[in-house]
N, C-alpha and C. Protein backbone atom coordinates (compact mmCIF):
# COMPACT_ATOMS: atom_id res chain seq x y z
N MET A 1 21.65 -32.58 -7.50
CA MET A 1 20.92 -31.36 -7.26
C MET A 1 20.66 -30.68 -8.60
N ASP A 2 19.45 -30.21 -8.79
CA ASP A 2 19.07 -29.56 -10.05
C ASP A 2 19.73 -28.19 -10.15
N HIS A 3 20.04 -27.82 -11.35
CA HIS A 3 20.65 -26.51 -11.61
C HIS A 3 19.54 -25.50 -11.90
N VAL A 4 19.48 -24.43 -11.12
CA VAL A 4 18.48 -23.38 -11.30
C VAL A 4 19.08 -22.32 -12.20
N SER A 5 18.36 -22.01 -13.28
CA SER A 5 18.89 -21.04 -14.23
C SER A 5 18.76 -19.62 -13.68
N ILE A 6 19.61 -18.74 -14.19
CA ILE A 6 19.60 -17.34 -13.79
C ILE A 6 18.26 -16.70 -14.16
N PHE A 7 17.71 -17.11 -15.31
CA PHE A 7 16.43 -16.56 -15.76
C PHE A 7 15.32 -16.84 -14.76
N SER A 8 15.25 -18.06 -14.23
CA SER A 8 14.18 -18.39 -13.28
C SER A 8 14.35 -17.62 -11.97
N VAL A 9 15.58 -17.34 -11.58
CA VAL A 9 15.82 -16.54 -10.37
C VAL A 9 15.30 -15.11 -10.59
N PHE A 10 15.57 -14.54 -11.77
CA PHE A 10 15.07 -13.20 -12.08
C PHE A 10 13.54 -13.17 -12.13
N VAL A 11 12.94 -14.19 -12.71
CA VAL A 11 11.47 -14.25 -12.79
C VAL A 11 10.87 -14.29 -11.40
N ILE A 12 11.40 -15.13 -10.54
CA ILE A 12 10.89 -15.22 -9.17
C ILE A 12 11.09 -13.91 -8.44
N PHE A 13 12.24 -13.28 -8.61
CA PHE A 13 12.51 -11.99 -7.96
C PHE A 13 11.49 -10.93 -8.39
N PHE A 14 11.25 -10.82 -9.70
CA PHE A 14 10.31 -9.80 -10.18
C PHE A 14 8.87 -10.11 -9.80
N LEU A 15 8.50 -11.37 -9.72
CA LEU A 15 7.16 -11.72 -9.25
C LEU A 15 6.98 -11.31 -7.79
N LEU A 16 7.96 -11.60 -6.95
CA LEU A 16 7.88 -11.21 -5.55
C LEU A 16 7.86 -9.69 -5.39
N LEU A 17 8.65 -9.00 -6.20
CA LEU A 17 8.64 -7.54 -6.18
C LEU A 17 7.28 -6.99 -6.57
N GLY A 18 6.66 -7.56 -7.60
CA GLY A 18 5.34 -7.13 -8.04
C GLY A 18 4.27 -7.36 -6.98
N VAL A 19 4.32 -8.51 -6.34
CA VAL A 19 3.35 -8.82 -5.27
C VAL A 19 3.54 -7.84 -4.10
N GLY A 20 4.77 -7.53 -3.76
CA GLY A 20 5.03 -6.58 -2.68
C GLY A 20 4.51 -5.18 -2.99
N ILE A 21 4.65 -4.74 -4.24
CA ILE A 21 4.15 -3.42 -4.63
C ILE A 21 2.64 -3.37 -4.58
N VAL A 22 1.97 -4.43 -5.03
CA VAL A 22 0.51 -4.48 -4.98
C VAL A 22 0.02 -4.46 -3.54
N ILE A 23 0.67 -5.22 -2.67
CA ILE A 23 0.27 -5.25 -1.26
C ILE A 23 0.49 -3.88 -0.62
N ALA A 24 1.55 -3.18 -0.98
CA ALA A 24 1.82 -1.85 -0.42
C ALA A 24 0.81 -0.82 -0.88
N GLY A 25 0.15 -1.05 -2.01
CA GLY A 25 -0.80 -0.08 -2.54
C GLY A 25 -2.23 -0.26 -2.07
N VAL A 26 -2.54 -1.36 -1.42
CA VAL A 26 -3.90 -1.63 -0.95
C VAL A 26 -3.99 -1.30 0.53
N LYS A 27 -4.92 -0.42 0.88
CA LYS A 27 -5.10 -0.02 2.28
C LYS A 27 -6.54 -0.28 2.71
N THR A 28 -6.71 -0.79 3.91
CA THR A 28 -8.02 -1.00 4.50
C THR A 28 -8.19 -0.03 5.66
N VAL A 29 -9.23 0.81 5.59
CA VAL A 29 -9.51 1.77 6.65
C VAL A 29 -10.66 1.21 7.48
N PRO A 30 -10.45 0.99 8.78
CA PRO A 30 -11.52 0.43 9.61
C PRO A 30 -12.65 1.43 9.86
N GLN A 31 -13.81 0.89 10.20
CA GLN A 31 -14.97 1.72 10.50
C GLN A 31 -14.66 2.63 11.68
N GLY A 32 -15.08 3.89 11.58
CA GLY A 32 -14.85 4.85 12.65
C GLY A 32 -13.55 5.61 12.50
N TRP A 33 -12.80 5.35 11.45
CA TRP A 33 -11.52 6.02 11.21
C TRP A 33 -11.51 6.65 9.84
N GLU A 34 -10.69 7.65 9.65
CA GLU A 34 -10.39 8.22 8.35
C GLU A 34 -8.89 8.46 8.29
N TYR A 35 -8.28 8.14 7.15
CA TYR A 35 -6.84 8.30 6.97
C TYR A 35 -6.59 9.41 5.96
N THR A 36 -5.61 10.26 6.24
CA THR A 36 -5.21 11.26 5.25
C THR A 36 -4.14 10.65 4.35
N VAL A 37 -4.16 11.05 3.09
CA VAL A 37 -3.18 10.58 2.11
C VAL A 37 -2.27 11.74 1.77
N GLU A 38 -0.98 11.47 1.80
CA GLU A 38 0.01 12.50 1.48
C GLU A 38 0.86 12.01 0.32
N ARG A 39 1.12 12.91 -0.62
CA ARG A 39 2.05 12.63 -1.71
C ARG A 39 3.25 13.53 -1.53
N PHE A 40 4.41 12.94 -1.25
CA PHE A 40 5.64 13.67 -0.96
C PHE A 40 5.45 14.65 0.20
N GLY A 41 4.65 14.27 1.20
CA GLY A 41 4.46 15.09 2.39
C GLY A 41 3.36 16.13 2.29
N ARG A 42 2.72 16.27 1.14
CA ARG A 42 1.64 17.25 0.96
C ARG A 42 0.30 16.52 0.93
N TYR A 43 -0.69 17.06 1.65
CA TYR A 43 -2.02 16.45 1.73
C TYR A 43 -2.67 16.40 0.35
N THR A 44 -3.20 15.22 -0.01
CA THR A 44 -3.90 15.10 -1.30
C THR A 44 -5.33 14.60 -1.16
N GLY A 45 -5.70 14.03 -0.02
CA GLY A 45 -7.06 13.55 0.14
C GLY A 45 -7.24 12.78 1.43
N THR A 46 -8.49 12.34 1.64
CA THR A 46 -8.84 11.59 2.84
C THR A 46 -9.50 10.29 2.42
N LEU A 47 -9.11 9.20 3.05
CA LEU A 47 -9.71 7.90 2.79
C LEU A 47 -10.78 7.62 3.84
N SER A 48 -12.00 7.36 3.38
CA SER A 48 -13.09 6.99 4.29
C SER A 48 -12.99 5.49 4.58
N PRO A 49 -13.78 4.98 5.51
CA PRO A 49 -13.69 3.55 5.84
C PRO A 49 -13.97 2.67 4.62
N GLY A 50 -13.19 1.62 4.50
CA GLY A 50 -13.34 0.67 3.39
C GLY A 50 -12.00 0.31 2.79
N LEU A 51 -12.07 -0.31 1.61
CA LEU A 51 -10.88 -0.76 0.90
C LEU A 51 -10.49 0.29 -0.13
N HIS A 52 -9.22 0.68 -0.16
CA HIS A 52 -8.74 1.71 -1.07
C HIS A 52 -7.42 1.29 -1.69
N VAL A 53 -7.15 1.85 -2.87
CA VAL A 53 -5.89 1.60 -3.56
C VAL A 53 -5.19 2.95 -3.70
N ILE A 54 -3.94 3.01 -3.24
CA ILE A 54 -3.13 4.21 -3.40
C ILE A 54 -1.92 3.87 -4.25
N VAL A 55 -1.22 4.89 -4.72
CA VAL A 55 -0.04 4.66 -5.55
C VAL A 55 1.14 4.38 -4.62
N PRO A 56 1.66 3.14 -4.63
CA PRO A 56 2.77 2.84 -3.74
C PRO A 56 4.02 3.64 -4.11
N MET A 57 4.82 3.94 -3.14
CA MET A 57 6.08 4.69 -3.25
C MET A 57 5.86 6.20 -3.42
N LEU A 58 4.72 6.64 -3.93
CA LEU A 58 4.44 8.07 -4.05
C LEU A 58 3.51 8.54 -2.94
N ASP A 59 2.42 7.82 -2.73
CA ASP A 59 1.44 8.17 -1.70
C ASP A 59 1.75 7.41 -0.42
N GLN A 60 1.44 8.05 0.71
CA GLN A 60 1.57 7.37 1.99
C GLN A 60 0.47 7.84 2.92
N ILE A 61 0.18 7.05 3.94
CA ILE A 61 -0.82 7.43 4.93
C ILE A 61 -0.19 8.43 5.88
N GLY A 62 -0.86 9.57 6.06
CA GLY A 62 -0.34 10.61 6.94
C GLY A 62 -0.84 10.45 8.36
N VAL A 63 -2.04 10.97 8.62
CA VAL A 63 -2.62 10.94 9.96
C VAL A 63 -3.81 10.01 9.96
N LYS A 64 -3.95 9.23 11.02
CA LYS A 64 -5.10 8.36 11.21
C LYS A 64 -6.04 9.06 12.20
N LEU A 65 -7.20 9.48 11.67
CA LEU A 65 -8.14 10.27 12.46
C LEU A 65 -9.24 9.38 13.03
N ASN A 66 -9.46 9.46 14.34
CA ASN A 66 -10.52 8.74 15.00
C ASN A 66 -11.79 9.57 14.91
N MET A 67 -12.81 9.06 14.21
CA MET A 67 -14.07 9.78 14.01
C MET A 67 -15.20 9.27 14.90
N MET A 68 -14.88 8.36 15.82
CA MET A 68 -15.92 7.76 16.68
C MET A 68 -16.34 8.75 17.76
N GLU A 69 -17.62 8.68 18.09
CA GLU A 69 -18.14 9.54 19.17
C GLU A 69 -17.55 9.09 20.50
N GLN A 70 -17.28 10.07 21.35
CA GLN A 70 -16.75 9.76 22.67
C GLN A 70 -17.84 9.89 23.71
């Protein structure tokens, strides 16, 4: 069995951590919806439909608003 070095384990760990942070920062808002963005619980803006990038760990999606006609 091959010996895996500690360095390669750390590299793999940090690569997976980086990929997870990037995935957490990309948000897709579907057509007919708008999402509010909150930083530490305070409203900072609204995301319109489309692809958006937010700051992971600081920003979060607050309320998902349905803008479709009834």
